[in-house]
Amino acid sequence: MLYELSQFFSQFHSGFNVFQYLTLRSILGVLTALTISLIVGPRMIRYLSSYNIGQSVRDDGPESHFSKAGTPTMGGALILIAIVISTILWSDLSSRFVWVVLF
């Protein structure tokens, strides 16, 4: 999305051509995903905790694991959300390889 926008603005100012480099877009994508996870993460943990969506501990497990009961376990969803949003923002959406990876 931002890649196409930078291509449009590069017609008017040559400084936007820096977004053509894959390495820069990769770094910006990682920083965007990190920012999204740092902002959304605490809110998601509070949301999951309020609905008691957490880890269940088996009774036959070690006693040290009992303290982990109720720990939110949806961290993978947060990672996927951050990666998908970052990919949509910084990748070349006209590439079919991007769509294969996303879906």
N, C-alpha and C. Protein backbone atom coordinates (compact mmCIF):
# COMPACT_ATOMS: atom_id res chain seq x y z
N MET A 1 0.82 -1.18 0.00
CA MET A 1 0.00 0.00 0.00
C MET A 1 0.88 1.26 0.00
N LEU A 2 1.82 1.32 0.95
CA LEU A 2 2.72 2.46 0.99
C LEU A 2 3.74 2.41 -0.15
N TYR A 3 4.00 1.20 -0.65
CA TYR A 3 4.90 1.05 -1.79
C TYR A 3 4.32 1.73 -3.03
N GLU A 4 3.05 1.49 -3.30
CA GLU A 4 2.41 2.12 -4.46
C GLU A 4 2.32 3.63 -4.28
N LEU A 5 2.06 4.06 -3.06
CA LEU A 5 2.00 5.50 -2.78
C LEU A 5 3.36 6.15 -3.01
N SER A 6 4.44 5.48 -2.61
CA SER A 6 5.77 6.04 -2.84
C SER A 6 6.12 6.06 -4.33
N GLN A 7 5.64 5.08 -5.09
CA GLN A 7 5.86 5.10 -6.53
C GLN A 7 5.18 6.30 -7.17
N PHE A 8 3.99 6.62 -6.71
CA PHE A 8 3.27 7.77 -7.25
C PHE A 8 4.01 9.06 -6.92
N PHE A 9 4.44 9.21 -5.67
CA PHE A 9 5.12 10.45 -5.27
C PHE A 9 6.53 10.57 -5.83
N SER A 10 7.12 9.46 -6.28
CA SER A 10 8.46 9.54 -6.86
C SER A 10 8.45 10.27 -8.21
N GLN A 11 7.27 10.41 -8.82
CA GLN A 11 7.17 11.20 -10.04
C GLN A 11 7.41 12.68 -9.76
N PHE A 12 7.10 13.12 -8.55
CA PHE A 12 7.19 14.52 -8.20
C PHE A 12 8.45 14.86 -7.41
N HIS A 13 8.96 13.89 -6.65
CA HIS A 13 10.16 14.12 -5.85
C HIS A 13 10.99 12.84 -5.87
N SER A 14 12.25 12.95 -6.27
CA SER A 14 13.08 11.75 -6.45
C SER A 14 13.46 11.09 -5.13
N GLY A 15 13.28 11.76 -4.01
CA GLY A 15 13.60 11.18 -2.71
C GLY A 15 12.75 9.97 -2.36
N PHE A 16 11.59 9.87 -2.96
CA PHE A 16 10.70 8.73 -2.69
C PHE A 16 11.17 7.45 -3.38
N ASN A 17 12.18 7.55 -4.25
CA ASN A 17 12.71 6.35 -4.90
C ASN A 17 13.43 5.44 -3.91
N VAL A 18 13.75 5.94 -2.73
CA VAL A 18 14.41 5.11 -1.72
C VAL A 18 13.51 3.96 -1.28
N PHE A 19 12.20 4.11 -1.43
CA PHE A 19 11.27 3.05 -1.05
C PHE A 19 11.22 1.92 -2.08
N GLN A 20 11.95 2.06 -3.18
CA GLN A 20 12.05 0.97 -4.16
C GLN A 20 12.96 -0.14 -3.65
N TYR A 21 13.84 0.19 -2.70
CA TYR A 21 14.80 -0.79 -2.17
C TYR A 21 14.11 -1.76 -1.22
N LEU A 22 14.28 -3.03 -1.50
CA LEU A 22 13.65 -4.07 -0.69
C LEU A 22 14.20 -4.08 0.74
N THR A 23 15.49 -3.79 0.89
CA THR A 23 16.07 -3.82 2.24
C THR A 23 15.45 -2.75 3.13
N LEU A 24 15.23 -1.56 2.61
CA LEU A 24 14.61 -0.51 3.41
C LEU A 24 13.18 -0.87 3.77
N ARG A 25 12.44 -1.39 2.82
CA ARG A 25 11.05 -1.79 3.11
C ARG A 25 11.01 -2.95 4.10
N SER A 26 11.99 -3.83 4.06
CA SER A 26 12.05 -4.93 5.03
C SER A 26 12.30 -4.41 6.44
N ILE A 27 13.23 -3.49 6.57
CA ILE A 27 13.52 -2.89 7.88
C ILE A 27 12.31 -2.14 8.39
N LEU A 28 11.67 -1.37 7.54
CA LEU A 28 10.48 -0.62 7.96
C LEU A 28 9.33 -1.57 8.30
N GLY A 29 9.24 -2.69 7.59
CA GLY A 29 8.22 -3.69 7.91
C GLY A 29 8.43 -4.31 9.28
N VAL A 30 9.68 -4.62 9.60
CA VAL A 30 9.99 -5.19 10.92
C VAL A 30 9.69 -4.17 12.01
N LEU A 31 10.07 -2.92 11.79
CA LEU A 31 9.80 -1.88 12.79
C LEU A 31 8.30 -1.64 12.95
N THR A 32 7.56 -1.72 11.85
CA THR A 32 6.11 -1.55 11.92
C THR A 32 5.47 -2.70 12.70
N ALA A 33 5.90 -3.92 12.43
CA ALA A 33 5.36 -5.08 13.15
C ALA A 33 5.70 -5.00 14.64
N LEU A 34 6.91 -4.55 14.96
CA LEU A 34 7.29 -4.40 16.36
C LEU A 34 6.43 -3.35 17.05
N THR A 35 6.21 -2.23 16.38
CA THR A 35 5.38 -1.17 16.95
C THR A 35 3.95 -1.63 17.16
N ILE A 36 3.41 -2.34 16.18
CA ILE A 36 2.04 -2.84 16.31
C ILE A 36 1.93 -3.81 17.48
N SER A 37 2.91 -4.70 17.61
CA SER A 37 2.84 -5.67 18.71
C SER A 37 3.02 -5.01 20.07
N LEU A 38 3.83 -3.95 20.15
CA LEU A 38 4.01 -3.26 21.42
C LEU A 38 2.79 -2.43 21.80
N ILE A 39 2.07 -1.94 20.81
CA ILE A 39 0.87 -1.14 21.10
C ILE A 39 -0.34 -2.04 21.35
N VAL A 40 -0.53 -3.04 20.51
CA VAL A 40 -1.71 -3.89 20.60
C VAL A 40 -1.56 -4.97 21.68
N GLY A 41 -0.33 -5.39 21.96
CA GLY A 41 -0.08 -6.49 22.89
C GLY A 41 -0.70 -6.32 24.27
N PRO A 42 -0.40 -5.23 24.98
CA PRO A 42 -1.00 -5.07 26.31
C PRO A 42 -2.53 -5.00 26.28
N ARG A 43 -3.07 -4.36 25.27
CA ARG A 43 -4.53 -4.29 25.16
C ARG A 43 -5.13 -5.67 24.92
N MET A 44 -4.45 -6.46 24.09
CA MET A 44 -4.95 -7.81 23.80
C MET A 44 -4.86 -8.70 25.05
N ILE A 45 -3.80 -8.55 25.83
CA ILE A 45 -3.66 -9.33 27.06
C ILE A 45 -4.76 -8.97 28.04
N ARG A 46 -5.05 -7.67 28.19
CA ARG A 46 -6.14 -7.26 29.08
C ARG A 46 -7.48 -7.80 28.59
N TYR A 47 -7.71 -7.75 27.29
CA TYR A 47 -8.96 -8.25 26.71
C TYR A 47 -9.11 -9.75 26.96
N LEU A 48 -8.06 -10.50 26.71
CA LEU A 48 -8.12 -11.95 26.91
C LEU A 48 -8.27 -12.29 28.38
N SER A 49 -7.62 -11.54 29.25
CA SER A 49 -7.74 -11.79 30.68
C SER A 49 -9.14 -11.48 31.19
N SER A 50 -9.77 -10.46 30.62
CA SER A 50 -11.12 -10.10 31.08
C SER A 50 -12.15 -11.17 30.72
N TYR A 51 -11.91 -11.91 29.65
CA TYR A 51 -12.82 -12.98 29.25
C TYR A 51 -12.33 -14.36 29.72
N ASN A 52 -11.34 -14.36 30.58
CA ASN A 52 -10.77 -15.60 31.16
C ASN A 52 -10.34 -16.59 30.09
N ILE A 53 -9.77 -16.08 29.01
CA ILE A 53 -9.20 -16.94 27.98
C ILE A 53 -7.74 -17.14 28.36
N GLY A 54 -7.45 -18.30 28.90
CA GLY A 54 -6.10 -18.53 29.38
C GLY A 54 -5.74 -19.99 29.33
N GLN A 55 -4.54 -20.25 29.76
CA GLN A 55 -4.00 -21.60 29.72
C GLN A 55 -4.56 -22.42 30.87
N SER A 56 -4.97 -23.62 30.55
CA SER A 56 -5.40 -24.55 31.60
C SER A 56 -4.24 -25.48 31.91
N VAL A 57 -4.07 -25.78 33.18
CA VAL A 57 -2.97 -26.63 33.63
C VAL A 57 -3.55 -27.96 34.09
N ARG A 58 -2.96 -29.05 33.63
CA ARG A 58 -3.43 -30.37 34.04
C ARG A 58 -3.08 -30.63 35.50
N ASP A 59 -3.93 -31.39 36.15
CA ASP A 59 -3.71 -31.70 37.57
C ASP A 59 -2.54 -32.64 37.79
N ASP A 60 -2.20 -33.45 36.79
CA ASP A 60 -1.12 -34.41 36.96
C ASP A 60 0.25 -33.84 36.58
N GLY A 61 0.33 -32.57 36.27
CA GLY A 61 1.58 -31.93 35.91
C GLY A 61 2.39 -31.54 37.13
N PRO A 62 3.59 -31.01 36.91
CA PRO A 62 4.42 -30.56 38.03
C PRO A 62 3.76 -29.39 38.78
N GLU A 63 4.07 -29.29 40.06
CA GLU A 63 3.47 -28.23 40.87
C GLU A 63 3.93 -26.85 40.45
N SER A 64 5.12 -26.76 39.85
CA SER A 64 5.62 -25.46 39.41
C SER A 64 4.78 -24.88 38.28
N HIS A 65 4.03 -25.71 37.58
CA HIS A 65 3.20 -25.24 36.47
C HIS A 65 1.86 -24.68 36.93
N PHE A 66 1.47 -24.94 38.17
CA PHE A 66 0.18 -24.46 38.66
C PHE A 66 0.12 -22.94 38.73
N SER A 67 1.26 -22.29 38.89
CA SER A 67 1.27 -20.83 38.95
C SER A 67 0.98 -20.21 37.58
N LYS A 68 1.09 -20.99 36.52
CA LYS A 68 0.83 -20.48 35.17
C LYS A 68 -0.62 -20.57 34.75
N ALA A 69 -1.47 -21.04 35.62
CA ALA A 69 -2.89 -21.17 35.30
C ALA A 69 -3.49 -19.81 35.02
N GLY A 70 -4.21 -19.70 33.91
CA GLY A 70 -4.86 -18.45 33.55
C GLY A 70 -4.02 -17.52 32.71
N THR A 71 -2.79 -17.91 32.35
CA THR A 71 -1.94 -17.07 31.52
C THR A 71 -2.55 -16.99 30.12
N PRO A 72 -2.71 -15.78 29.54
CA PRO A 72 -3.26 -15.67 28.19
C PRO A 72 -2.39 -16.42 27.18
N THR A 73 -3.02 -17.15 26.27
CA THR A 73 -2.28 -18.04 25.36
C THR A 73 -2.48 -17.70 23.90
N MET A 74 -2.89 -16.51 23.59
CA MET A 74 -3.17 -16.17 22.19
C MET A 74 -2.09 -15.27 21.59
N GLY A 75 -0.83 -15.47 22.01
CA GLY A 75 0.27 -14.66 21.48
C GLY A 75 0.48 -14.85 19.99
N GLY A 76 0.18 -16.04 19.48
CA GLY A 76 0.33 -16.29 18.05
C GLY A 76 -0.58 -15.42 17.21
N ALA A 77 -1.77 -15.14 17.72
CA ALA A 77 -2.70 -14.27 17.00
C ALA A 77 -2.13 -12.86 16.90
N LEU A 78 -1.50 -12.39 17.96
CA LEU A 78 -0.88 -11.06 17.95
C LEU A 78 0.25 -11.00 16.94
N ILE A 79 1.06 -12.04 16.88
CA ILE A 79 2.16 -12.08 15.92
C ILE A 79 1.63 -12.08 14.49
N LEU A 80 0.61 -12.89 14.22
CA LEU A 80 0.05 -12.95 12.87
C LEU A 80 -0.58 -11.62 12.46
N ILE A 81 -1.28 -10.97 13.37
CA ILE A 81 -1.89 -9.67 13.06
C ILE A 81 -0.82 -8.66 12.71
N ALA A 82 0.25 -8.60 13.50
CA ALA A 82 1.32 -7.63 13.25
C ALA A 82 2.02 -7.90 11.92
N ILE A 83 2.27 -9.16 11.61
CA ILE A 83 2.96 -9.49 10.36
C ILE A 83 2.09 -9.21 9.15
N VAL A 84 0.81 -9.55 9.21
CA VAL A 84 -0.08 -9.33 8.07
C VAL A 84 -0.25 -7.84 7.79
N ILE A 85 -0.46 -7.04 8.83
CA ILE A 85 -0.62 -5.60 8.63
C ILE A 85 0.65 -4.99 8.07
N SER A 86 1.80 -5.39 8.61
CA SER A 86 3.07 -4.86 8.13
C SER A 86 3.34 -5.28 6.69
N THR A 87 2.99 -6.50 6.34
CA THR A 87 3.18 -6.97 4.97
C THR A 87 2.29 -6.20 4.00
N ILE A 88 1.06 -5.99 4.37
CA ILE A 88 0.14 -5.24 3.50
C ILE A 88 0.61 -3.80 3.32
N LEU A 89 1.16 -3.21 4.36
CA LEU A 89 1.61 -1.82 4.26
C LEU A 89 2.86 -1.66 3.40
N TRP A 90 3.85 -2.54 3.54
CA TRP A 90 5.15 -2.29 2.95
C TRP A 90 5.50 -3.13 1.73
N SER A 91 4.70 -4.12 1.37
CA SER A 91 5.09 -4.98 0.25
C SER A 91 4.49 -4.49 -1.07
N ASP A 92 5.01 -5.06 -2.13
CA ASP A 92 4.50 -4.79 -3.47
C ASP A 92 3.29 -5.69 -3.68
N LEU A 93 2.09 -5.13 -3.57
CA LEU A 93 0.87 -5.93 -3.62
C LEU A 93 0.55 -6.45 -5.02
N SER A 94 1.28 -6.00 -6.03
CA SER A 94 1.07 -6.53 -7.37
C SER A 94 1.82 -7.85 -7.58
N SER A 95 2.66 -8.22 -6.63
CA SER A 95 3.40 -9.48 -6.72
C SER A 95 2.53 -10.63 -6.25
N ARG A 96 2.43 -11.66 -7.05
CA ARG A 96 1.60 -12.80 -6.68
C ARG A 96 2.21 -13.59 -5.53
N PHE A 97 3.53 -13.48 -5.34
CA PHE A 97 4.18 -14.20 -4.25
C PHE A 97 3.75 -13.66 -2.89
N VAL A 98 3.49 -12.37 -2.82
CA VAL A 98 3.00 -11.78 -1.58
C VAL A 98 1.65 -12.36 -1.23
N TRP A 99 0.78 -12.48 -2.21
CA TRP A 99 -0.56 -13.01 -1.95
C TRP A 99 -0.53 -14.50 -1.61
N VAL A 100 0.42 -15.23 -2.19
CA VAL A 100 0.55 -16.65 -1.84
C VAL A 100 0.97 -16.80 -0.37
N VAL A 101 1.88 -15.96 0.08
CA VAL A 101 2.33 -16.03 1.46
C VAL A 101 1.23 -15.58 2.41
N LEU A 102 0.47 -14.56 2.04
CA LEU A 102 -0.58 -14.06 2.92
C LEU A 102 -1.74 -15.03 3.04
N PHE A 103 -2.06 -15.74 1.97
CA PHE A 103 -3.21 -16.64 2.01
C PHE A 103 -2.78 -18.03 1.67
